[in-house]
PDB file of N, CA and C in Angstrom:
ATOM      1  N   MET A   1       2.692  21.022  -7.562  1.00  0.00           N
ATOM      2  CA  MET A   1       1.630  20.055  -7.547  1.00  0.00           C
ATOM      3  C   MET A   1       1.497  19.554  -6.107  1.00  0.00           C
ATOM      4  N   ALA A   2       0.245  19.433  -5.627  1.00  0.00           N
ATOM      5  CA  ALA A   2       0.024  18.983  -4.258  1.00  0.00           C
ATOM      6  C   ALA A   2      -1.159  18.020  -4.218  1.00  0.00           C
ATOM      7  N   ASP A   3      -1.112  17.112  -3.249  1.00  0.00           N
ATOM      8  CA  ASP A   3      -2.190  16.160  -3.037  1.00  0.00           C
ATOM      9  C   ASP A   3      -2.573  16.221  -1.562  1.00  0.00           C
ATOM     10  N   LEU A   4      -3.838  16.526  -1.294  1.00  0.00           N
ATOM     11  CA  LEU A   4      -4.322  16.679   0.066  1.00  0.00           C
ATOM     12  C   LEU A   4      -4.845  15.352   0.590  1.00  0.00           C
ATOM     13  N   LYS A   5      -4.423  14.997   1.801  1.00  0.00           N
ATOM     14  CA  LYS A   5      -4.874  13.777   2.468  1.00  0.00           C
ATOM     15  C   LYS A   5      -5.374  14.138   3.860  1.00  0.00           C
ATOM     16  N   THR A   6      -6.514  13.599   4.257  1.00  0.00           N
ATOM     17  CA  THR A   6      -6.943  13.731   5.636  1.00  0.00           C
ATOM     18  C   THR A   6      -6.507  12.477   6.387  1.00  0.00           C
ATOM     19  N   CYS A   7      -6.255  12.641   7.677  1.00  0.00           N
ATOM     20  CA  CYS A   7      -5.745  11.534   8.471  1.00  0.00           C
ATOM     21  C   CYS A   7      -6.047  11.768   9.943  1.00  0.00           C
ATOM     22  N   ALA A   8      -5.920  10.712  10.728  1.00  0.00           N
ATOM     23  CA  ALA A   8      -6.082  10.822  12.176  1.00  0.00           C
ATOM     24  C   ALA A   8      -4.809  11.341  12.830  1.00  0.00           C
ATOM     25  N   ASP A   9      -3.666  11.048  12.213  1.00  0.00           N
ATOM     26  CA  ASP A   9      -2.368  11.390  12.797  1.00  0.00           C
ATOM     27  C   ASP A   9      -1.466  11.921  11.691  1.00  0.00           C
ATOM     28  N   ALA A  10      -1.070  13.173  11.781  1.00  0.00           N
ATOM     29  CA  ALA A  10      -0.209  13.790  10.771  1.00  0.00           C
ATOM     30  C   ALA A  10       1.241  13.877  11.235  1.00  0.00           C
ATOM     31  N   SER A  11       1.602  13.098  12.238  1.00  0.00           N
ATOM     32  CA  SER A  11       3.002  13.104  12.678  1.00  0.00           C
ATOM     33  C   SER A  11       3.880  12.568  11.555  1.00  0.00           C
ATOM     34  N   PRO A  12       5.142  12.962  11.493  1.00  0.00           N
ATOM     35  CA  PRO A  12       6.021  12.451  10.431  1.00  0.00           C
ATOM     36  C   PRO A  12       6.076  10.926  10.377  1.00  0.00           C
ATOM     37  N   GLU A  13       6.059  10.271  11.537  1.00  0.00           N
ATOM     38  CA  GLU A  13       6.101   8.806  11.556  1.00  0.00           C
ATOM     39  C   GLU A  13       4.834   8.214  10.937  1.00  0.00           C
ATOM     40  N   ALA A  14       3.678   8.784  11.279  1.00  0.00           N
ATOM     41  CA  ALA A  14       2.410   8.298  10.729  1.00  0.00           C
ATOM     42  C   ALA A  14       2.316   8.586   9.234  1.00  0.00           C
ATOM     43  N   VAL A  15       2.835   9.725   8.807  1.00  0.00           N
ATOM     44  CA  VAL A  15       2.833  10.071   7.385  1.00  0.00           C
ATOM     45  C   VAL A  15       3.690   9.069   6.606  1.00  0.00           C
ATOM     46  N   ALA A  16       4.850   8.721   7.134  1.00  0.00           N
ATOM     47  CA  ALA A  16       5.719   7.751   6.463  1.00  0.00           C
ATOM     48  C   ALA A  16       5.012   6.395   6.344  1.00  0.00           C
ATOM     49  N   ARG A  17       4.341   5.980   7.418  1.00  0.00           N
ATOM     50  CA  ARG A  17       3.601   4.705   7.375  1.00  0.00           C
ATOM     51  C   ARG A  17       2.484   4.770   6.338  1.00  0.00           C
ATOM     52  N   ALA A  18       1.747   5.879   6.320  1.00  0.00           N
ATOM     53  CA  ALA A  18       0.652   6.023   5.358  1.00  0.00           C
ATOM     54  C   ALA A  18       1.174   6.020   3.924  1.00  0.00           C
ATOM     55  N   MET A  19       2.318   6.652   3.695  1.00  0.00           N
ATOM     56  CA  MET A  19       2.921   6.655   2.352  1.00  0.00           C
ATOM     57  C   MET A  19       3.113   5.221   1.861  1.00  0.00           C
ATOM     58  N   HIS A  20       3.522   4.343   2.776  1.00  0.00           N
ATOM     59  CA  HIS A  20       3.727   2.942   2.410  1.00  0.00           C
ATOM     60  C   HIS A  20       2.416   2.172   2.407  1.00  0.00           C
ATOM     61  N   ASN A  21       1.672   2.223   3.514  1.00  0.00           N
ATOM     62  CA  ASN A  21       0.476   1.385   3.670  1.00  0.00           C
ATOM     63  C   ASN A  21      -0.580   1.647   2.606  1.00  0.00           C
ATOM     64  N   PHE A  22      -0.723   2.887   2.181  1.00  0.00           N
ATOM     65  CA  PHE A  22      -1.731   3.239   1.189  1.00  0.00           C
ATOM     66  C   PHE A  22      -1.119   3.510  -0.188  1.00  0.00           C
ATOM     67  N   SER A  23       0.164   3.202  -0.331  1.00  0.00           N
ATOM     68  CA  SER A  23       0.891   3.365  -1.610  1.00  0.00           C
ATOM     69  C   SER A  23       0.814   4.793  -2.143  1.00  0.00           C
ATOM     70  N   TYR A  24       0.758   5.766  -1.258  1.00  0.00           N
ATOM     71  CA  TYR A  24       0.737   7.162  -1.696  1.00  0.00           C
ATOM     72  C   TYR A  24       2.010   7.526  -2.459  1.00  0.00           C
ATOM     73  N   TYR A  25       3.097   6.820  -2.194  1.00  0.00           N
ATOM     74  CA  TYR A  25       4.352   7.117  -2.879  1.00  0.00           C
ATOM     75  C   TYR A  25       4.256   6.867  -4.381  1.00  0.00           C
ATOM     76  N   LEU A  26       3.252   6.106  -4.827  1.00  0.00           N
ATOM     77  CA  LEU A  26       3.061   5.872  -6.263  1.00  0.00           C
ATOM     78  C   LEU A  26       2.462   7.081  -6.966  1.00  0.00           C
ATOM     79  N   GLN A  27       1.727   7.903  -6.215  1.00  0.00           N
ATOM     80  CA  GLN A  27       1.067   9.045  -6.835  1.00  0.00           C
ATOM     81  C   GLN A  27       2.071  10.074  -7.339  1.00  0.00           C
ATOM     82  N   ASN A  28       3.155  10.236  -6.614  1.00  0.00           N
ATOM     83  CA  ASN A  28       4.153  11.240  -6.984  1.00  0.00           C
ATOM     84  C   ASN A  28       4.656  11.009  -8.414  1.00  0.00           C
ATOM     85  N   PRO A  29       5.279   9.872  -8.718  1.00  0.00           N
ATOM     86  CA  PRO A  29       5.762   9.691 -10.094  1.00  0.00           C
ATOM     87  C   PRO A  29       4.625   9.573 -11.107  1.00  0.00           C
ATOM     88  N   TRP A  30       3.507   8.992 -10.707  1.00  0.00           N
ATOM     89  CA  TRP A  30       2.386   8.838 -11.630  1.00  0.00           C
ATOM     90  C   TRP A  30       1.876  10.197 -12.094  1.00  0.00           C
ATOM     91  N   TYR A  31       1.636  11.097 -11.153  1.00  0.00           N
ATOM     92  CA  TYR A  31       1.144  12.427 -11.502  1.00  0.00           C
ATOM     93  C   TYR A  31       2.208  13.253 -12.219  1.00  0.00           C
ATOM     94  N   ARG A  32       3.448  13.161 -11.751  1.00  0.00           N
ATOM     95  CA  ARG A  32       4.517  13.941 -12.380  1.00  0.00           C
ATOM     96  C   ARG A  32       4.753  13.500 -13.814  1.00  0.00           C
ATOM     97  N   ASP A  33       4.800  12.188 -14.038  1.00  0.00           N
ATOM     98  CA  ASP A  33       5.006  11.674 -15.395  1.00  0.00           C
ATOM     99  C   ASP A  33       3.815  12.012 -16.289  1.00  0.00           C
ATOM    100  N   GLY A  34       2.607  11.919 -15.708  1.00  0.00           N
ATOM    101  CA  GLY A  34       1.410  12.287 -16.473  1.00  0.00           C
ATOM    102  C   GLY A  34       1.425  13.751 -16.859  1.00  0.00           C
ATOM    103  N   TRP A  35       1.808  14.585 -15.918  1.00  0.00           N
ATOM    104  CA  TRP A  35       1.931  16.022 -16.192  1.00  0.00           C
ATOM    105  C   TRP A  35       2.930  16.255 -17.320  1.00  0.00           C
ATOM    106  N   ALA A  36       4.085  15.621 -17.216  1.00  0.00           N
ATOM    107  CA  ALA A  36       5.138  15.815 -18.221  1.00  0.00           C
ATOM    108  C   ALA A  36       4.656  15.391 -19.603  1.00  0.00           C
ATOM    109  N   ALA A  37       3.914  14.291 -19.673  1.00  0.00           N
ATOM    110  CA  ALA A  37       3.457  13.776 -20.961  1.00  0.00           C
ATOM    111  C   ALA A  37       2.305  14.587 -21.543  1.00  0.00           C
ATOM    112  N   LEU A  38       1.392  15.052 -20.691  1.00  0.00           N
ATOM    113  CA  LEU A  38       0.175  15.666 -21.200  1.00  0.00           C
ATOM    114  C   LEU A  38       0.160  17.190 -21.175  1.00  0.00           C
ATOM    115  N   ILE A  39       0.803  17.779 -20.182  1.00  0.00           N
ATOM    116  CA  ILE A  39       0.678  19.219 -19.988  1.00  0.00           C
ATOM    117  C   ILE A  39       2.008  19.941 -20.084  1.00  0.00           C
ATOM    118  N   GLY A  40       3.045  19.326 -19.556  1.00  0.00           N
ATOM    119  CA  GLY A  40       4.310  20.021 -19.390  1.00  0.00           C
ATOM    120  C   GLY A  40       5.276  19.917 -20.545  1.00  0.00           C
ATOM    121  N   ASN A  41       4.832  19.435 -21.698  1.00  0.00           N
ATOM    122  CA  ASN A  41       5.719  19.306 -22.861  1.00  0.00           C
ATOM    123  C   ASN A  41       7.008  18.561 -22.511  1.00  0.00           C
ATOM    124  N   GLY A  42       6.855  17.471 -21.739  1.00  0.00           N
ATOM    125  CA  GLY A  42       8.009  16.657 -21.360  1.00  0.00           C
ATOM    126  C   GLY A  42       8.689  17.098 -20.080  1.00  0.00           C
ATOM    127  N   GLU A  43       8.320  18.246 -19.545  1.00  0.00           N
ATOM    128  CA  GLU A  43       8.923  18.734 -18.307  1.00  0.00           C
ATOM    129  C   GLU A  43       8.009  18.407 -17.129  1.00  0.00           C
ATOM    130  N   GLU A  44       8.613  17.865 -16.067  1.00  0.00           N
ATOM    131  CA  GLU A  44       7.847  17.575 -14.855  1.00  0.00           C
ATOM    132  C   GLU A  44       7.548  18.869 -14.109  1.00  0.00           C
ATOM    133  N   PRO A  45       6.499  18.841 -13.264  1.00  0.00           N
ATOM    134  CA  PRO A  45       6.269  20.009 -12.401  1.00  0.00           C
ATOM    135  C   PRO A  45       7.462  20.197 -11.468  1.00  0.00           C
ATOM    136  N   ARG A  46       7.655  21.402 -10.981  1.00  0.00           N
ATOM    137  CA  ARG A  46       8.800  21.703 -10.117  1.00  0.00           C
ATOM    138  C   ARG A  46       8.827  20.847  -8.868  1.00  0.00           C
ATOM    139  N   ASP A  47       7.647  20.574  -8.299  1.00  0.00           N
ATOM    140  CA  ASP A  47       7.605  19.865  -7.027  1.00  0.00           C
ATOM    141  C   ASP A  47       6.295  19.109  -6.905  1.00  0.00           C
ATOM    142  N   PHE A  48       6.280  18.129  -6.034  1.00  0.00           N
ATOM    143  CA  PHE A  48       5.070  17.390  -5.706  1.00  0.00           C
ATOM    144  C   PHE A  48       5.052  17.229  -4.199  1.00  0.00           C
ATOM    145  N   LEU A  49       4.002  17.721  -3.573  1.00  0.00           N
ATOM    146  CA  LEU A  49       3.897  17.675  -2.120  1.00  0.00           C
ATOM    147  C   LEU A  49       2.636  16.925  -1.710  1.00  0.00           C
ATOM    148  N   ASN A  50       2.748  16.134  -0.651  1.00  0.00           N
ATOM    149  CA  ASN A  50       1.584  15.537  -0.018  1.00  0.00           C
ATOM    150  C   ASN A  50       1.295  16.363   1.225  1.00  0.00           C
ATOM    151  N   VAL A  51       0.067  16.825   1.338  1.00  0.00           N
ATOM    152  CA  VAL A  51      -0.343  17.633   2.479  1.00  0.00           C
ATOM    153  C   VAL A  51      -1.291  16.779   3.323  1.00  0.00           C
ATOM    154  N   PHE A  52      -0.848  16.442   4.531  1.00  0.00           N
ATOM    155  CA  PHE A  52      -1.635  15.619   5.447  1.00  0.00           C
ATOM    156  C   PHE A  52      -2.245  16.529   6.511  1.00  0.00           C
ATOM    157  N   VAL A  53      -3.572  16.458   6.651  1.00  0.00           N
ATOM    158  CA  VAL A  53      -4.293  17.291   7.608  1.00  0.00           C
ATOM    159  C   VAL A  53      -5.088  16.375   8.534  1.00  0.00           C
ATOM    160  N   GLN A  54      -4.864  16.554   9.824  1.00  0.00           N
ATOM    161  CA  GLN A  54      -5.613  15.765  10.799  1.00  0.00           C
ATOM    162  C   GLN A  54      -7.078  16.169  10.781  1.00  0.00           C
ATOM    163  N   THR A  55      -7.955  15.166  10.892  1.00  0.00           N
ATOM    164  CA  THR A  55      -9.388  15.416  10.826  1.00  0.00           C
ATOM    165  C   THR A  55      -9.958  15.992  12.117  1.00  0.00           C
ATOM    166  N   GLU A  56      -9.254  15.813  13.225  1.00  0.00           N
ATOM    167  CA  GLU A  56      -9.727  16.325  14.513  1.00  0.00           C
ATOM    168  C   GLU A  56      -8.942  17.578  14.910  1.00  0.00           C
ATOM    169  N   PRO A  57      -9.594  18.502  15.611  1.00  0.00           N
ATOM    170  CA  PRO A  57      -8.876  19.691  16.087  1.00  0.00           C
ATOM    171  C   PRO A  57      -7.676  19.276  16.932  1.00  0.00           C
ATOM    172  N   PRO A  58      -6.592  19.982  16.833  1.00  0.00           N
ATOM    173  CA  PRO A  58      -6.403  21.283  16.196  1.00  0.00           C
ATOM    174  C   PRO A  58      -6.016  21.201  14.718  1.00  0.00           C
ATOM    175  N   HIS A  59      -6.329  20.084  14.039  1.00  0.00           N
ATOM    176  CA  HIS A  59      -6.105  19.942  12.594  1.00  0.00           C
ATOM    177  C   HIS A  59      -4.640  20.201  12.213  1.00  0.00           C
ATOM    178  N   LEU A  60      -3.747  19.503  12.906  1.00  0.00           N
ATOM    179  CA  LEU A  60      -2.323  19.648  12.605  1.00  0.00           C
ATOM    180  C   LEU A  60      -2.041  19.224  11.170  1.00  0.00           C
ATOM    181  N   VAL A  61      -1.024  19.822  10.595  1.00  0.00           N
ATOM    182  CA  VAL A  61      -0.690  19.601   9.183  1.00  0.00           C
ATOM    183  C   VAL A  61       0.770  19.199   9.053  1.00  0.00           C
ATOM    184  N   THR A  62       1.025  18.250   8.158  1.00  0.00           N
ATOM    185  CA  THR A  62       2.391  17.941   7.741  1.00  0.00           C
ATOM    186  C   THR A  62       2.434  18.020   6.223  1.00  0.00           C
ATOM    187  N   ILE A  63       3.389  18.768   5.715  1.00  0.00           N
ATOM    188  CA  ILE A  63       3.615  18.848   4.273  1.00  0.00           C
ATOM    189  C   ILE A  63       4.833  17.995   3.985  1.00  0.00           C
ATOM    190  N   ALA A  64       4.651  16.973   3.150  1.00  0.00           N
ATOM    191  CA  ALA A  64       5.703  15.985   2.929  1.00  0.00           C
ATOM    192  C   ALA A  64       6.181  15.984   1.483  1.00  0.00           C
ATOM    193  N   ARG A  65       7.489  15.887   1.330  1.00  0.00           N
ATOM    194  CA  ARG A  65       8.120  15.750   0.011  1.00  0.00           C
ATOM    195  C   ARG A  65       8.931  14.454   0.058  1.00  0.00           C
ATOM    196  N   LEU A  66       8.644  13.545  -0.854  1.00  0.00           N
ATOM    197  CA  LEU A  66       9.374  12.281  -0.901  1.00  0.00           C
ATOM    198  C   LEU A  66      10.796  12.498  -1.403  1.00  0.00           C
ATOM    199  N   ASP A  67      11.721  11.720  -0.855  1.00  0.00           N
ATOM    200  CA  ASP A  67      13.090  11.820  -1.355  1.00  0.00           C
ATOM    201  C   ASP A  67      13.195  11.137  -2.716  1.00  0.00           C
ATOM    202  N   ASP A  68      14.267  11.443  -3.431  1.00  0.00           N
ATOM    203  CA  ASP A  68      14.442  10.979  -4.807  1.00  0.00           C
ATOM    204  C   ASP A  68      14.429   9.459  -4.921  1.00  0.00           C
ATOM    205  N   LYS A  69      14.989   8.770  -3.942  1.00  0.00           N
ATOM    206  CA  LYS A  69      15.026   7.304  -3.989  1.00  0.00           C
ATOM    207  C   LYS A  69      13.619   6.723  -3.960  1.00  0.00           C
ATOM    208  N   VAL A  70      12.762   7.249  -3.089  1.00  0.00           N
ATOM    209  CA  VAL A  70      11.387   6.756  -2.991  1.00  0.00           C
ATOM    210  C   VAL A  70      10.613   7.084  -4.268  1.00  0.00           C
ATOM    211  N   VAL A  71      10.825   8.257  -4.819  1.00  0.00           N
ATOM    212  CA  VAL A  71      10.156   8.619  -6.079  1.00  0.00           C
ATOM    213  C   VAL A  71      10.554   7.637  -7.173  1.00  0.00           C
ATOM    214  N   GLU A  72      11.830   7.300  -7.245  1.00  0.00           N
ATOM    215  CA  GLU A  72      12.287   6.353  -8.273  1.00  0.00           C
ATOM    216  C   GLU A  72      11.716   4.960  -8.028  1.00  0.00           C
ATOM    217  N   LEU A  73      11.645   4.522  -6.777  1.00  0.00           N
ATOM    218  CA  LEU A  73      11.018   3.228  -6.478  1.00  0.00           C
ATOM    219  C   LEU A  73       9.553   3.238  -6.911  1.00  0.00           C
ATOM    220  N   GLY A  74       8.857   4.333  -6.638  1.00  0.00           N
ATOM    221  CA  GLY A  74       7.474   4.470  -7.073  1.00  0.00           C
ATOM    222  C   GLY A  74       7.352   4.429  -8.588  1.00  0.00           C
ATOM    223  N   ARG A  75       8.263   5.106  -9.248  1.00  0.00           N
ATOM    224  CA  ARG A  75       8.250   5.122 -10.712  1.00  0.00           C
ATOM    225  C   ARG A  75       8.452   3.706 -11.264  1.00  0.00           C
ATOM    226  N   GLN A  76       9.349   2.945 -10.674  1.00  0.00           N
ATOM    227  CA  GLN A  76       9.582   1.562 -11.102  1.00  0.00           C
ATOM    228  C   GLN A  76       8.345   0.697 -10.883  1.00  0.00           C
ATOM    229  N   ARG A  77       7.666   0.882  -9.736  1.00  0.00           N
ATOM    230  CA  ARG A  77       6.439   0.119  -9.466  1.00  0.00           C
ATOM    231  C   ARG A  77       5.349   0.484 -10.467  1.00  0.00           C
ATOM    232  N   CYS A  78       5.222   1.765 -10.793  1.00  0.00           N
ATOM    233  CA  CYS A  78       4.218   2.196 -11.771  1.00  0.00           C
ATOM    234  C   CYS A  78       4.505   1.593 -13.139  1.00  0.00           C
ATOM    235  N   ARG A  79       5.752   1.616 -13.549  1.00  0.00           N
ATOM    236  CA  ARG A  79       6.114   1.027 -14.849  1.00  0.00           C
ATOM    237  C   ARG A  79       5.821  -0.460 -14.883  1.00  0.00           C
ATOM    238  N   ALA A  80       6.168  -1.162 -13.799  1.00  0.00           N
ATOM    239  CA  ALA A  80       5.897  -2.600 -13.722  1.00  0.00           C
ATOM    240  C   ALA A  80       4.393  -2.868 -13.814  1.00  0.00           C
ATOM    241  N   ALA A  81       3.584  -2.047 -13.154  1.00  0.00           N
ATOM    242  CA  ALA A  81       2.131  -2.219 -13.208  1.00  0.00           C
ATOM    243  C   ALA A  81       1.610  -1.980 -14.618  1.00  0.00           C
ATOM    244  N   LEU A  82       2.131  -0.957 -15.288  1.00  0.00           N
ATOM    245  CA  LEU A  82       1.713  -0.692 -16.663  1.00  0.00           C
ATOM    246  C   LEU A  82       2.102  -1.833 -17.601  1.00  0.00           C
ATOM    247  N   GLU A  83       3.284  -2.389 -17.397  1.00  0.00           N
ATOM    248  CA  GLU A  83       3.719  -3.528 -18.220  1.00  0.00           C
ATOM    249  C   GLU A  83       2.824  -4.740 -17.985  1.00  0.00           C
ATOM    250  N   LYS A  84       2.466  -4.991 -16.731  1.00  0.00           N
ATOM    251  CA  LYS A  84       1.585  -6.113 -16.414  1.00  0.00           C
ATOM    252  C   LYS A  84       0.214  -5.892 -17.046  1.00  0.00           C
ATOM    253  N   TYR A  85      -0.292  -4.672 -16.956  1.00  0.00           N
ATOM    254  CA  TYR A  85      -1.578  -4.358 -17.576  1.00  0.00           C
ATOM    255  C   TYR A  85      -1.516  -4.600 -19.086  1.00  0.00           C
ATOM    256  N   ARG A  86      -0.450  -4.129 -19.721  1.00  0.00           N
ATOM    257  CA  ARG A  86      -0.277  -4.341 -21.165  1.00  0.00           C
ATOM    258  C   ARG A  86      -0.263  -5.826 -21.490  1.00  0.00           C
ATOM    259  N   ASP A  87       0.531  -6.593 -20.728  1.00  0.00           N
ATOM    260  CA  ASP A  87       0.645  -8.033 -20.982  1.00  0.00           C
ATOM    261  C   ASP A  87      -0.688  -8.748 -20.799  1.00  0.00           C
ATOM    262  N   CYS A  88      -1.427  -8.398 -19.758  1.00  0.00           N
ATOM    263  CA  CYS A  88      -2.728  -9.021 -19.511  1.00  0.00           C
ATOM    264  C   CYS A  88      -3.728  -8.642 -20.595  1.00  0.00           C
ATOM    265  N   THR A  89      -3.701  -7.379 -21.002  1.00  0.00           N
ATOM    266  CA  THR A  89      -4.603  -6.930 -22.057  1.00  0.00           C
ATOM    267  C   THR A  89      -4.320  -7.671 -23.358  1.00  0.00           C
ATOM    268  N   GLU A  90      -3.051  -7.790 -23.710  1.00  0.00           N
ATOM    269  CA  GLU A  90      -2.688  -8.475 -24.948  1.00  0.00           C
ATOM    270  C   GLU A  90      -3.027  -9.953 -24.902  1.00  0.00           C
ATOM    271  N   ALA A  91      -2.793 -10.610 -23.770  1.00  0.00           N
ATOM    272  CA  ALA A  91      -3.019 -12.051 -23.650  1.00  0.00           C
ATOM    273  C   ALA A  91      -4.466 -12.387 -23.308  1.00  0.00           C
ATOM    274  N   GLY A  92      -5.205 -11.409 -22.770  1.00  0.00           N
ATOM    275  CA  GLY A  92      -6.565 -11.689 -22.336  1.00  0.00           C
ATOM    276  C   GLY A  92      -6.614 -12.565 -21.094  1.00  0.00           C
ATOM    277  N   ILE A  93      -5.512 -12.617 -20.378  1.00  0.00           N
ATOM    278  CA  ILE A  93      -5.426 -13.426 -19.157  1.00  0.00           C
ATOM    279  C   ILE A  93      -5.085 -12.491 -18.012  1.00  0.00           C
ATOM    280  N   TRP A  94      -5.901 -12.568 -16.949  1.00  0.00           N
ATOM    281  CA  TRP A  94      -5.744 -11.670 -15.811  1.00  0.00           C
ATOM    282  C   TRP A  94      -5.429 -12.481 -14.558  1.00  0.00           C
ATOM    283  N   PRO A  95      -4.557 -11.971 -13.706  1.00  0.00           N
ATOM    284  CA  PRO A  95      -4.187 -12.717 -12.502  1.00  0.00           C
ATOM    285  C   PRO A  95      -5.385 -12.920 -11.577  1.00  0.00           C
ATOM    286  N   ALA A  96      -5.407 -14.066 -10.921  1.00  0.00           N
ATOM    287  CA  ALA A  96      -6.454 -14.382  -9.946  1.00  0.00           C
ATOM    288  C   ALA A  96      -5.858 -15.319  -8.902  1.00  0.00           C
ATOM    289  N   TRP A  97      -6.496 -15.383  -7.745  1.00  0.00           N
ATOM    290  CA  TRP A  97      -6.037 -16.319  -6.716  1.00  0.00           C
ATOM    291  C   TRP A  97      -6.280 -17.748  -7.159  1.00  0.00           C
ATOM    292  N   SER A  98      -7.356 -17.962  -7.906  1.00  0.00           N
ATOM    293  CA  SER A  98      -7.695 -19.306  -8.362  1.00  0.00           C
ATOM    294  C   SER A  98      -8.575 -19.177  -9.592  1.00  0.00           C
ATOM    295  N   ASP A  99      -8.474 -20.162 -10.481  1.00  0.00           N
ATOM    296  CA  ASP A  99      -9.346 -20.169 -11.651  1.00  0.00           C
ATOM    297  C   ASP A  99     -10.713 -20.770 -11.338  1.00  0.00           C
ATOM    298  N   ASP A 100     -10.828 -21.465 -10.211  1.00  0.00           N
ATOM    299  CA  ASP A 100     -12.062 -22.128  -9.812  1.00  0.00           C
ATOM    300  C   ASP A 100     -12.552 -21.545  -8.486  1.00  0.00           C
ATOM    301  N   PRO A 101     -13.845 -21.717  -8.195  1.00  0.00           N
ATOM    302  CA  PRO A 101     -14.337 -21.265  -6.891  1.00  0.00           C
ATOM    303  C   PRO A 101     -13.578 -21.976  -5.760  1.00  0.00           C
ATOM    304  N   ILE A 102     -13.379 -21.271  -4.674  1.00  0.00           N
ATOM    305  CA  ILE A 102     -12.694 -21.872  -3.524  1.00  0.00           C
ATOM    306  C   ILE A 102     -13.614 -21.792  -2.313  1.00  0.00           C
ATOM    307  N   ASP A 103     -13.437 -22.750  -1.403  1.00  0.00           N
ATOM    308  CA  ASP A 103     -14.204 -22.745  -0.162  1.00  0.00           C
ATOM    309  C   ASP A 103     -13.520 -21.816   0.827  1.00  0.00           C
ATOM    310  N   ILE A 104     -14.306 -20.982   1.459  1.00  0.00           N
ATOM    311  CA  ILE A 104     -13.772 -20.009   2.422  1.00  0.00           C
ATOM    312  C   ILE A 104     -14.480 -20.205   3.749  1.00  0.00           C
ATOM    313  N   SER A 105     -13.719 -20.169   4.815  1.00  0.00           N
ATOM    314  CA  SER A 105     -14.258 -20.139   6.171  1.00  0.00           C
ATOM    315  C   SER A 105     -13.900 -18.793   6.782  1.00  0.00           C
ATOM    316  N   LEU A 106     -14.618 -18.455   7.813  1.00  0.00           N
ATOM    317  CA  LEU A 106     -14.245 -17.249   8.556  1.00  0.00           C
ATOM    318  C   LEU A 106     -12.996 -17.541   9.368  1.00  0.00           C
ATOM    319  N   PRO A 107     -12.230 -16.518   9.706  1.00  0.00           N
ATOM    320  CA  PRO A 107     -11.100 -16.740  10.609  1.00  0.00           C
ATOM    321  C   PRO A 107     -11.601 -17.319  11.937  1.00  0.00           C
ATOM    322  N   TYR A 108     -10.763 -18.081  12.595  1.00  0.00           N
ATOM    323  CA  TYR A 108     -11.120 -18.742  13.850  1.00  0.00           C
ATOM    324  C   TYR A 108     -11.728 -17.762  14.838  1.00  0.00           C
ATOM    325  N   TRP A 109     -11.069 -16.615  15.009  1.00  0.00           N
ATOM    326  CA  TRP A 109     -11.547 -15.642  15.990  1.00  0.00           C
ATOM    327  C   TRP A 109     -12.940 -15.129  15.654  1.00  0.00           C
ATOM    328  N   ALA A 110     -13.258 -14.991  14.354  1.00  0.00           N
ATOM    329  CA  ALA A 110     -14.567 -14.490  13.946  1.00  0.00           C
ATOM    330  C   ALA A 110     -15.651 -15.524  14.235  1.00  0.00           C
ATOM    331  N   GLU A 111     -15.351 -16.799  13.982  1.00  0.00           N
ATOM    332  CA  GLU A 111     -16.318 -17.849  14.306  1.00  0.00           C
ATOM    333  C   GLU A 111     -16.610 -17.859  15.803  1.00  0.00           C
ATOM    334  N   ARG A 112     -15.564 -17.752  16.626  1.00  0.00           N
ATOM    335  CA  ARG A 112     -15.754 -17.729  18.084  1.00  0.00           C
ATOM    336  C   ARG A 112     -16.594 -16.524  18.499  1.00  0.00           C
ATOM    337  N   GLN A 113     -16.345 -15.387  17.873  1.00  0.00           N
ATOM    338  CA  GLN A 113     -17.095 -14.182  18.202  1.00  0.00           C
ATOM    339  C   GLN A 113     -18.573 -14.366  17.887  1.00  0.00           C
ATOM    340  N   ILE A 114     -18.878 -14.929  16.736  1.00  0.00           N
ATOM    341  CA  ILE A 114     -20.275 -15.158  16.345  1.00  0.00           C
ATOM    342  C   ILE A 114     -20.934 -16.155  17.286  1.00  0.00           C
ATOM    343  N   GLU A 115     -20.213 -17.216  17.617  1.00  0.00           N
ATOM    344  CA  GLU A 115     -20.763 -18.192  18.561  1.00  0.00           C
ATOM    345  C   GLU A 115     -21.082 -17.543  19.895  1.00  0.00           C
ATOM    346  N   GLN A 116     -20.199 -16.669  20.372  1.00  0.00           N
ATOM    347  CA  GLN A 116     -20.445 -15.970  21.626  1.00  0.00           C
ATOM    348  C   GLN A 116     -21.644 -15.036  21.515  1.00  0.00           C
ATOM    349  N   GLU A 117     -21.782 -14.372  20.388  1.00  0.00           N
ATOM    350  CA  GLU A 117     -22.925 -13.492  20.181  1.00  0.00           C
ATOM    351  C   GLU A 117     -24.228 -14.278  20.182  1.00  0.00           C
ATOM    352  N   ILE A 118     -24.210 -15.455  19.564  1.00  0.00           N
ATOM    353  CA  ILE A 118     -25.408 -16.299  19.525  1.00  0.00           C
ATOM    354  C   ILE A 118     -25.767 -16.739  20.942  1.00  0.00           C
ATOM    355  N   LEU A 119     -24.771 -17.191  21.693  1.00  0.00           N
ATOM    356  CA  LEU A 119     -25.016 -17.595  23.077  1.00  0.00           C
ATOM    357  C   LEU A 119     -25.567 -16.433  23.887  1.00  0.00           C
ATOM    358  N   HIS A 120     -25.005 -15.261  23.688  1.00  0.00           N
ATOM    359  CA  HIS A 120     -25.463 -14.065  24.408  1.00  0.00           C
ATOM    360  C   HIS A 120     -26.905 -13.730  24.040  1.00  0.00           C
ATOM    361  N   ASP A 121     -27.261 -13.885  22.748  1.00  0.00           N
ATOM    362  CA  ASP A 121     -28.626 -13.600  22.311  1.00  0.00           C
ATOM    363  C   ASP A 121     -29.629 -14.529  22.977  1.00  0.00           C
ATOM    364  N   PHE A 122     -29.256 -15.811  23.207  1.00  0.00           N
ATOM    365  CA  PHE A 122     -30.157 -16.765  23.851  1.00  0.00           C
ATOM    366  C   PHE A 122     -30.285 -16.492  25.338  1.00  0.00           C
ATOM    367  N   ASP A 123     -29.284 -15.866  25.931  1.00  0.00           N
ATOM    368  CA  ASP A 123     -29.337 -15.565  27.362  1.00  0.00           C
ATOM    369  C   ASP A 123     -30.305 -14.425  27.664  1.00  0.00           C
ATOM    370  N   HIS A 124     -30.648 -13.624  26.688  1.00  0.00           N
ATOM    371  CA  HIS A 124     -31.503 -12.446  26.942  1.00  0.00           C
ATOM    372  C   HIS A 124     -32.800 -12.570  26.256  1.00  0.00           C
TER     373      HIS A 124
END
């Protein structure tokens, strides 16, 4: 089983960061467990590989296999998510940042940027 990913940087360090930042490590146990339940008669596929291909020439490639510890951590996260989904579905209560509308401002830097853009627009 393989999952193809395009990326700007296929170096091993960038692949490891992407595995974490985009939660790609969750796909391994999710797909393997799904395969075992639906297609493999309880048996997982032999292997699961992430294939990272750089979008710019020379289109370098890294083929990555997660170690067993990371796969198990991913499996635990998937199970926890499924349990939370079950609990929310049964209770009819879903997590939110707030039950009421909240007032939001732009980050300080964004307000300054807009103010500068407005000033620049009046100068021209």
